[in-house]
Amino acid sequence: MKTDSGIFKEGTYEWNIPSLTLMYVDKTEKFGFKFATGMSHGYILQSDKTSEYQQRYPDAGITEVKVNYVWKDNEIIQLGGLTF
């Protein structure tokens, strides 16, 4: 996977309609997955960062942290799924 910022990561993925799991360099990232309405080939990946931020700031009383990433694929995705 290569981003517009030039970051390149190689690995595998598992995808079904509501979720996407990326596995690379001894790391696994799980995302909620949905199509972005009003955007051709646009997708929204949602990552739950609650546990990470609760550990980082244990006295802050954090109850929920979710991050949305908007991803625009400039190529048509084949019916078999995403290609990384």
PDB file of N, CA and C in Angstrom:
ATOM      1  N   MET A   1       0.848  -1.157   0.000  1.00  0.00           N
ATOM      2  CA  MET A   1       0.000   0.000   0.000  1.00  0.00           C
ATOM      3  C   MET A   1       0.897   1.224   0.000  1.00  0.00           C
ATOM      4  N   LYS A   2       0.680   2.156  -0.878  1.00  0.00           N
ATOM      5  CA  LYS A   2       1.441   3.391  -0.910  1.00  0.00           C
ATOM      6  C   LYS A   2       0.468   4.558  -0.825  1.00  0.00           C
ATOM      7  N   THR A   3       0.739   5.484   0.054  1.00  0.00           N
ATOM      8  CA  THR A   3      -0.140   6.633   0.222  1.00  0.00           C
ATOM      9  C   THR A   3       0.371   7.804  -0.610  1.00  0.00           C
ATOM     10  N   ASP A   4      -0.455   8.839  -0.724  1.00  0.00           N
ATOM     11  CA  ASP A   4      -0.040  10.044  -1.444  1.00  0.00           C
ATOM     12  C   ASP A   4       1.174  10.706  -0.793  1.00  0.00           C
ATOM     13  N   SER A   5       1.371  10.477   0.496  1.00  0.00           N
ATOM     14  CA  SER A   5       2.514  11.067   1.194  1.00  0.00           C
ATOM     15  C   SER A   5       3.798  10.276   0.983  1.00  0.00           C
ATOM     16  N   GLY A   6       3.709   9.164   0.219  1.00  0.00           N
ATOM     17  CA  GLY A   6       4.903   8.386  -0.089  1.00  0.00           C
ATOM     18  C   GLY A   6       5.183   7.252   0.871  1.00  0.00           C
ATOM     19  N   ILE A   7       4.338   7.069   1.872  1.00  0.00           N
ATOM     20  CA  ILE A   7       4.517   5.972   2.817  1.00  0.00           C
ATOM     21  C   ILE A   7       4.162   4.666   2.118  1.00  0.00           C
ATOM     22  N   PHE A   8       5.024   3.674   2.240  1.00  0.00           N
ATOM     23  CA  PHE A   8       4.789   2.387   1.593  1.00  0.00           C
ATOM     24  C   PHE A   8       4.842   1.291   2.641  1.00  0.00           C
ATOM     25  N   LYS A   9       3.815   0.447   2.666  1.00  0.00           N
ATOM     26  CA  LYS A   9       3.776  -0.681   3.578  1.00  0.00           C
ATOM     27  C   LYS A   9       3.322  -1.895   2.795  1.00  0.00           C
ATOM     28  N   GLU A  10       3.964  -3.022   3.040  1.00  0.00           N
ATOM     29  CA  GLU A  10       3.611  -4.259   2.352  1.00  0.00           C
ATOM     30  C   GLU A  10       3.075  -5.251   3.368  1.00  0.00           C
ATOM     31  N   GLY A  11       1.972  -5.916   3.020  1.00  0.00           N
ATOM     32  CA  GLY A  11       1.401  -6.880   3.938  1.00  0.00           C
ATOM     33  C   GLY A  11       0.170  -7.523   3.342  1.00  0.00           C
ATOM     34  N   THR A  12      -0.709  -8.001   4.213  1.00  0.00           N
ATOM     35  CA  THR A  12      -1.928  -8.660   3.770  1.00  0.00           C
ATOM     36  C   THR A  12      -3.128  -7.962   4.406  1.00  0.00           C
ATOM     37  N   TYR A  13      -4.316  -8.332   3.923  1.00  0.00           N
ATOM     38  CA  TYR A  13      -5.528  -7.742   4.457  1.00  0.00           C
ATOM     39  C   TYR A  13      -6.655  -8.761   4.487  1.00  0.00           C
ATOM     40  N   GLU A  14      -7.625  -8.498   5.332  1.00  0.00           N
ATOM     41  CA  GLU A  14      -8.885  -9.230   5.354  1.00  0.00           C
ATOM     42  C   GLU A  14      -9.970  -8.173   5.290  1.00  0.00           C
ATOM     43  N   TRP A  15     -10.932  -8.363   4.407  1.00  0.00           N
ATOM     44  CA  TRP A  15     -11.964  -7.358   4.212  1.00  0.00           C
ATOM     45  C   TRP A  15     -13.319  -8.011   4.067  1.00  0.00           C
ATOM     46  N   ASN A  16     -14.293  -7.463   4.756  1.00  0.00           N
ATOM     47  CA  ASN A  16     -15.692  -7.758   4.485  1.00  0.00           C
ATOM     48  C   ASN A  16     -16.404  -6.414   4.558  1.00  0.00           C
ATOM     49  N   ILE A  17     -17.634  -6.363   4.243  1.00  0.00           N
ATOM     50  CA  ILE A  17     -18.304  -5.071   4.095  1.00  0.00           C
ATOM     51  C   ILE A  17     -18.150  -4.149   5.309  1.00  0.00           C
ATOM     52  N   PRO A  18     -18.353  -4.594   6.554  1.00  0.00           N
ATOM     53  CA  PRO A  18     -18.246  -3.624   7.644  1.00  0.00           C
ATOM     54  C   PRO A  18     -16.857  -3.453   8.248  1.00  0.00           C
ATOM     55  N   SER A  19     -15.854  -4.243   7.820  1.00  0.00           N
ATOM     56  CA  SER A  19     -14.550  -4.098   8.475  1.00  0.00           C
ATOM     57  C   SER A  19     -13.387  -4.407   7.529  1.00  0.00           C
ATOM     58  N   LEU A  20     -12.248  -3.833   7.871  1.00  0.00           N
ATOM     59  CA  LEU A  20     -11.004  -4.039   7.129  1.00  0.00           C
ATOM     60  C   LEU A  20      -9.901  -4.240   8.149  1.00  0.00           C
ATOM     61  N   THR A  21      -9.105  -5.301   7.980  1.00  0.00           N
ATOM     62  CA  THR A  21      -7.963  -5.565   8.854  1.00  0.00           C
ATOM     63  C   THR A  21      -6.706  -5.567   7.998  1.00  0.00           C
ATOM     64  N   LEU A  22      -5.740  -4.716   8.336  1.00  0.00           N
ATOM     65  CA  LEU A  22      -4.455  -4.653   7.648  1.00  0.00           C
ATOM     66  C   LEU A  22      -3.401  -5.288   8.538  1.00  0.00           C
ATOM     67  N   MET A  23      -2.569  -6.148   7.956  1.00  0.00           N
ATOM     68  CA  MET A  23      -1.511  -6.826   8.708  1.00  0.00           C
ATOM     69  C   MET A  23      -0.181  -6.591   8.004  1.00  0.00           C
ATOM     70  N   TYR A  24       0.760  -5.952   8.679  1.00  0.00           N
ATOM     71  CA  TYR A  24       2.057  -5.638   8.088  1.00  0.00           C
ATOM     72  C   TYR A  24       3.084  -5.395   9.179  1.00  0.00           C
ATOM     73  N   VAL A  25       4.311  -5.724   8.907  1.00  0.00           N
ATOM     74  CA  VAL A  25       5.453  -5.488   9.803  1.00  0.00           C
ATOM     75  C   VAL A  25       5.096  -5.769  11.270  1.00  0.00           C
ATOM     76  N   ASP A  26       4.641  -6.975  11.556  1.00  0.00           N
ATOM     77  CA  ASP A  26       4.290  -7.377  12.922  1.00  0.00           C
ATOM     78  C   ASP A  26       3.237  -6.481  13.561  1.00  0.00           C
ATOM     79  N   LYS A  27       2.391  -5.855  12.760  1.00  0.00           N
ATOM     80  CA  LYS A  27       1.354  -4.977  13.271  1.00  0.00           C
ATOM     81  C   LYS A  27       0.020  -5.341  12.618  1.00  0.00           C
ATOM     82  N   THR A  28      -1.047  -5.278  13.390  1.00  0.00           N
ATOM     83  CA  THR A  28      -2.395  -5.508  12.874  1.00  0.00           C
ATOM     84  C   THR A  28      -3.242  -4.293  13.216  1.00  0.00           C
ATOM     85  N   GLU A  29      -3.896  -3.724  12.207  1.00  0.00           N
ATOM     86  CA  GLU A  29      -4.786  -2.592  12.412  1.00  0.00           C
ATOM     87  C   GLU A  29      -6.183  -2.982  11.951  1.00  0.00           C
ATOM     88  N   LYS A  30      -7.172  -2.748  12.811  1.00  0.00           N
ATOM     89  CA  LYS A  30      -8.556  -3.071  12.481  1.00  0.00           C
ATOM     90  C   LYS A  30      -9.338  -1.772  12.315  1.00  0.00           C
ATOM     91  N   PHE A  31     -10.157  -1.737  11.270  1.00  0.00           N
ATOM     92  CA  PHE A  31     -10.935  -0.551  10.953  1.00  0.00           C
ATOM     93  C   PHE A  31     -12.381  -0.923  10.676  1.00  0.00           C
ATOM     94  N   GLY A  32     -13.303  -0.039  11.045  1.00  0.00           N
ATOM     95  CA  GLY A  32     -14.649  -0.106  10.519  1.00  0.00           C
ATOM     96  C   GLY A  32     -14.559   0.402   9.086  1.00  0.00           C
ATOM     97  N   PHE A  33     -15.404  -0.095   8.203  1.00  0.00           N
ATOM     98  CA  PHE A  33     -15.285   0.240   6.788  1.00  0.00           C
ATOM     99  C   PHE A  33     -16.654   0.589   6.237  1.00  0.00           C
ATOM    100  N   LYS A  34     -16.760   1.730   5.535  1.00  0.00           N
ATOM    101  CA  LYS A  34     -17.996   2.047   4.837  1.00  0.00           C
ATOM    102  C   LYS A  34     -17.683   2.917   3.625  1.00  0.00           C
ATOM    103  N   PHE A  35     -18.602   2.908   2.685  1.00  0.00           N
ATOM    104  CA  PHE A  35     -18.441   3.713   1.481  1.00  0.00           C
ATOM    105  C   PHE A  35     -18.824   5.152   1.789  1.00  0.00           C
ATOM    106  N   ALA A  36     -18.046   6.104   1.281  1.00  0.00           N
ATOM    107  CA  ALA A  36     -18.334   7.519   1.486  1.00  0.00           C
ATOM    108  C   ALA A  36     -19.365   7.955   0.448  1.00  0.00           C
ATOM    109  N   THR A  37     -20.481   8.428   0.904  1.00  0.00           N
ATOM    110  CA  THR A  37     -21.517   8.860  -0.034  1.00  0.00           C
ATOM    111  C   THR A  37     -21.110  10.192  -0.662  1.00  0.00           C
ATOM    112  N   GLY A  38     -21.487  10.362  -1.914  1.00  0.00           N
ATOM    113  CA  GLY A  38     -21.183  11.601  -2.618  1.00  0.00           C
ATOM    114  C   GLY A  38     -19.749  11.699  -3.092  1.00  0.00           C
ATOM    115  N   MET A  39     -19.006  10.600  -3.033  1.00  0.00           N
ATOM    116  CA  MET A  39     -17.597  10.609  -3.421  1.00  0.00           C
ATOM    117  C   MET A  39     -17.331   9.367  -4.262  1.00  0.00           C
ATOM    118  N   SER A  40     -16.934   9.558  -5.499  1.00  0.00           N
ATOM    119  CA  SER A  40     -16.645   8.429  -6.366  1.00  0.00           C
ATOM    120  C   SER A  40     -15.421   7.681  -5.851  1.00  0.00           C
ATOM    121  N   HIS A  41     -15.566   6.397  -5.597  1.00  0.00           N
ATOM    122  CA  HIS A  41     -14.484   5.540  -5.093  1.00  0.00           C
ATOM    123  C   HIS A  41     -13.920   6.059  -3.771  1.00  0.00           C
ATOM    124  N   GLY A  42     -14.790   6.535  -2.904  1.00  0.00           N
ATOM    125  CA  GLY A  42     -14.361   7.036  -1.600  1.00  0.00           C
ATOM    126  C   GLY A  42     -14.781   6.090  -0.491  1.00  0.00           C
ATOM    127  N   TYR A  43     -13.952   5.979   0.526  1.00  0.00           N
ATOM    128  CA  TYR A  43     -14.195   5.054   1.626  1.00  0.00           C
ATOM    129  C   TYR A  43     -13.853   5.738   2.940  1.00  0.00           C
ATOM    130  N   ILE A  44     -14.525   5.341   3.992  1.00  0.00           N
ATOM    131  CA  ILE A  44     -14.225   5.855   5.322  1.00  0.00           C
ATOM    132  C   ILE A  44     -13.782   4.676   6.169  1.00  0.00           C
ATOM    133  N   LEU A  45     -12.589   4.781   6.729  1.00  0.00           N
ATOM    134  CA  LEU A  45     -12.059   3.769   7.639  1.00  0.00           C
ATOM    135  C   LEU A  45     -12.088   4.370   9.033  1.00  0.00           C
ATOM    136  N   GLN A  46     -12.695   3.670   9.982  1.00  0.00           N
ATOM    137  CA  GLN A  46     -12.774   4.179  11.347  1.00  0.00           C
ATOM    138  C   GLN A  46     -11.955   3.291  12.271  1.00  0.00           C
ATOM    139  N   SER A  47     -11.090   3.918  13.049  1.00  0.00           N
ATOM    140  CA  SER A  47     -10.220   3.189  13.961  1.00  0.00           C
ATOM    141  C   SER A  47     -10.558   3.566  15.405  1.00  0.00           C
ATOM    142  N   ASP A  48     -10.724   2.562  16.257  1.00  0.00           N
ATOM    143  CA  ASP A  48     -11.000   2.802  17.672  1.00  0.00           C
ATOM    144  C   ASP A  48      -9.663   2.920  18.407  1.00  0.00           C
ATOM    145  N   LYS A  49      -9.352   4.107  18.865  1.00  0.00           N
ATOM    146  CA  LYS A  49      -8.089   4.383  19.565  1.00  0.00           C
ATOM    147  C   LYS A  49      -8.287   4.554  21.070  1.00  0.00           C
ATOM    148  N   THR A  50      -9.449   4.154  21.584  1.00  0.00           N
ATOM    149  CA  THR A  50      -9.769   4.379  22.995  1.00  0.00           C
ATOM    150  C   THR A  50      -8.730   3.774  23.925  1.00  0.00           C
ATOM    151  N   SER A  51      -8.434   2.499  23.752  1.00  0.00           N
ATOM    152  CA  SER A  51      -7.490   1.823  24.645  1.00  0.00           C
ATOM    153  C   SER A  51      -6.108   2.483  24.616  1.00  0.00           C
ATOM    154  N   GLU A  52      -5.656   2.817  23.430  1.00  0.00           N
ATOM    155  CA  GLU A  52      -4.335   3.455  23.285  1.00  0.00           C
ATOM    156  C   GLU A  52      -4.260   4.769  24.064  1.00  0.00           C
ATOM    157  N   TYR A  53      -5.292   5.601  23.955  1.00  0.00           N
ATOM    158  CA  TYR A  53      -5.263   6.900  24.629  1.00  0.00           C
ATOM    159  C   TYR A  53      -5.566   6.787  26.117  1.00  0.00           C
ATOM    160  N   GLN A  54      -6.340   5.794  26.530  1.00  0.00           N
ATOM    161  CA  GLN A  54      -6.555   5.564  27.955  1.00  0.00           C
ATOM    162  C   GLN A  54      -5.259   5.159  28.631  1.00  0.00           C
ATOM    163  N   GLN A  55      -4.439   4.349  27.940  1.00  0.00           N
ATOM    164  CA  GLN A  55      -3.146   3.950  28.497  1.00  0.00           C
ATOM    165  C   GLN A  55      -2.166   5.122  28.508  1.00  0.00           C
ATOM    166  N   ARG A  56      -2.207   5.925  27.457  1.00  0.00           N
ATOM    167  CA  ARG A  56      -1.293   7.056  27.351  1.00  0.00           C
ATOM    168  C   ARG A  56      -1.609   8.149  28.378  1.00  0.00           C
ATOM    169  N   TYR A  57      -2.906   8.356  28.653  1.00  0.00           N
ATOM    170  CA  TYR A  57      -3.355   9.396  29.581  1.00  0.00           C
ATOM    171  C   TYR A  57      -4.315   8.786  30.608  1.00  0.00           C
ATOM    172  N   PRO A  58      -3.792   7.967  31.539  1.00  0.00           N
ATOM    173  CA  PRO A  58      -4.655   7.203  32.447  1.00  0.00           C
ATOM    174  C   PRO A  58      -5.516   8.048  33.385  1.00  0.00           C
ATOM    175  N   ASP A  59      -5.114   9.253  33.680  1.00  0.00           N
ATOM    176  CA  ASP A  59      -5.871  10.092  34.623  1.00  0.00           C
ATOM    177  C   ASP A  59      -6.819  11.063  33.931  1.00  0.00           C
ATOM    178  N   ALA A  60      -6.949  10.970  32.620  1.00  0.00           N
ATOM    179  CA  ALA A  60      -7.744  11.949  31.865  1.00  0.00           C
ATOM    180  C   ALA A  60      -9.234  11.610  31.801  1.00  0.00           C
ATOM    181  N   GLY A  61      -9.624  10.407  32.192  1.00  0.00           N
ATOM    182  CA  GLY A  61     -11.038  10.035  32.141  1.00  0.00           C
ATOM    183  C   GLY A  61     -11.560   9.826  30.724  1.00  0.00           C
ATOM    184  N   ILE A  62     -10.699   9.416  29.828  1.00  0.00           N
ATOM    185  CA  ILE A  62     -11.088   9.205  28.431  1.00  0.00           C
ATOM    186  C   ILE A  62     -12.026   8.007  28.339  1.00  0.00           C
ATOM    187  N   THR A  63     -13.165   8.189  27.655  1.00  0.00           N
ATOM    188  CA  THR A  63     -14.130   7.112  27.500  1.00  0.00           C
ATOM    189  C   THR A  63     -14.231   6.596  26.066  1.00  0.00           C
ATOM    190  N   GLU A  64     -13.898   7.432  25.086  1.00  0.00           N
ATOM    191  CA  GLU A  64     -13.971   6.981  23.693  1.00  0.00           C
ATOM    192  C   GLU A  64     -13.135   7.885  22.790  1.00  0.00           C
ATOM    193  N   VAL A  65     -12.347   7.241  21.916  1.00  0.00           N
ATOM    194  CA  VAL A  65     -11.588   7.953  20.891  1.00  0.00           C
ATOM    195  C   VAL A  65     -11.723   7.162  19.598  1.00  0.00           C
ATOM    196  N   LYS A  66     -12.332   7.761  18.586  1.00  0.00           N
ATOM    197  CA  LYS A  66     -12.453   7.125  17.274  1.00  0.00           C
ATOM    198  C   LYS A  66     -11.913   8.096  16.230  1.00  0.00           C
ATOM    199  N   VAL A  67     -11.129   7.552  15.317  1.00  0.00           N
ATOM    200  CA  VAL A  67     -10.510   8.364  14.269  1.00  0.00           C
ATOM    201  C   VAL A  67     -11.053   7.898  12.926  1.00  0.00           C
ATOM    202  N   ASN A  68     -11.507   8.845  12.106  1.00  0.00           N
ATOM    203  CA  ASN A  68     -11.998   8.535  10.765  1.00  0.00           C
ATOM    204  C   ASN A  68     -10.948   8.939   9.740  1.00  0.00           C
ATOM    205  N   TYR A  69     -10.633   8.013   8.848  1.00  0.00           N
ATOM    206  CA  TYR A  69      -9.740   8.281   7.734  1.00  0.00           C
ATOM    207  C   TYR A  69     -10.581   8.211   6.468  1.00  0.00           C
ATOM    208  N   VAL A  70     -10.473   9.209   5.619  1.00  0.00           N
ATOM    209  CA  VAL A  70     -11.167   9.175   4.340  1.00  0.00           C
ATOM    210  C   VAL A  70     -10.147   8.771   3.286  1.00  0.00           C
ATOM    211  N   TRP A  71     -10.486   7.739   2.531  1.00  0.00           N
ATOM    212  CA  TRP A  71      -9.573   7.188   1.532  1.00  0.00           C
ATOM    213  C   TRP A  71     -10.236   7.270   0.173  1.00  0.00           C
ATOM    214  N   LYS A  72      -9.564   7.872  -0.781  1.00  0.00           N
ATOM    215  CA  LYS A  72     -10.054   7.969  -2.152  1.00  0.00           C
ATOM    216  C   LYS A  72      -9.171   7.102  -3.021  1.00  0.00           C
ATOM    217  N   ASP A  73      -9.785   6.106  -3.666  1.00  0.00           N
ATOM    218  CA  ASP A  73      -9.065   5.226  -4.584  1.00  0.00           C
ATOM    219  C   ASP A  73      -9.218   5.793  -5.979  1.00  0.00           C
ATOM    220  N   ASN A  74      -8.119   6.145  -6.603  1.00  0.00           N
ATOM    221  CA  ASN A  74      -8.158   6.729  -7.936  1.00  0.00           C
ATOM    222  C   ASN A  74      -8.273   5.699  -9.043  1.00  0.00           C
ATOM    223  N   GLU A  75      -8.276   4.424  -8.677  1.00  0.00           N
ATOM    224  CA  GLU A  75      -8.463   3.352  -9.640  1.00  0.00           C
ATOM    225  C   GLU A  75      -9.746   2.619  -9.276  1.00  0.00           C
ATOM    226  N   ILE A  76     -10.350   1.958 -10.215  1.00  0.00           N
ATOM    227  CA  ILE A  76     -11.559   1.189  -9.926  1.00  0.00           C
ATOM    228  C   ILE A  76     -11.171  -0.081  -9.181  1.00  0.00           C
ATOM    229  N   ILE A  77     -11.813  -0.323  -8.066  1.00  0.00           N
ATOM    230  CA  ILE A  77     -11.522  -1.522  -7.272  1.00  0.00           C
ATOM    231  C   ILE A  77     -12.220  -2.717  -7.917  1.00  0.00           C
ATOM    232  N   GLN A  78     -11.483  -3.776  -8.106  1.00  0.00           N
ATOM    233  CA  GLN A  78     -12.030  -4.986  -8.700  1.00  0.00           C
ATOM    234  C   GLN A  78     -13.024  -5.627  -7.739  1.00  0.00           C
ATOM    235  N   LEU A  79     -13.942  -6.418  -8.258  1.00  0.00           N
ATOM    236  CA  LEU A  79     -14.972  -7.038  -7.440  1.00  0.00           C
ATOM    237  C   LEU A  79     -14.410  -7.948  -6.360  1.00  0.00           C
ATOM    238  N   GLY A  80     -13.207  -8.481  -6.541  1.00  0.00           N
ATOM    239  CA  GLY A  80     -12.607  -9.367  -5.552  1.00  0.00           C
ATOM    240  C   GLY A  80     -12.190  -8.670  -4.290  1.00  0.00           C
ATOM    241  N   GLY A  81     -12.168  -7.354  -4.256  1.00  0.00           N
ATOM    242  CA  GLY A  81     -11.800  -6.613  -3.061  1.00  0.00           C
ATOM    243  C   GLY A  81     -10.721  -5.596  -3.327  1.00  0.00           C
ATOM    244  N   LEU A  82     -10.122  -5.130  -2.267  1.00  0.00           N
ATOM    245  CA  LEU A  82      -9.092  -4.112  -2.349  1.00  0.00           C
ATOM    246  C   LEU A  82      -7.768  -4.732  -2.739  1.00  0.00           C
ATOM    247  N   THR A  83      -6.951  -3.993  -3.457  1.00  0.00           N
ATOM    248  CA  THR A  83      -5.632  -4.472  -3.844  1.00  0.00           C
ATOM    249  C   THR A  83      -4.577  -3.628  -3.153  1.00  0.00           C
ATOM    250  N   PHE A  84      -3.675  -4.279  -2.434  1.00  0.00           N
ATOM    251  CA  PHE A  84      -2.583  -3.567  -1.760  1.00  0.00           C
ATOM    252  C   PHE A  84      -1.285  -4.038  -2.337  1.00  0.00           C
TER     253      PHE A  84
END
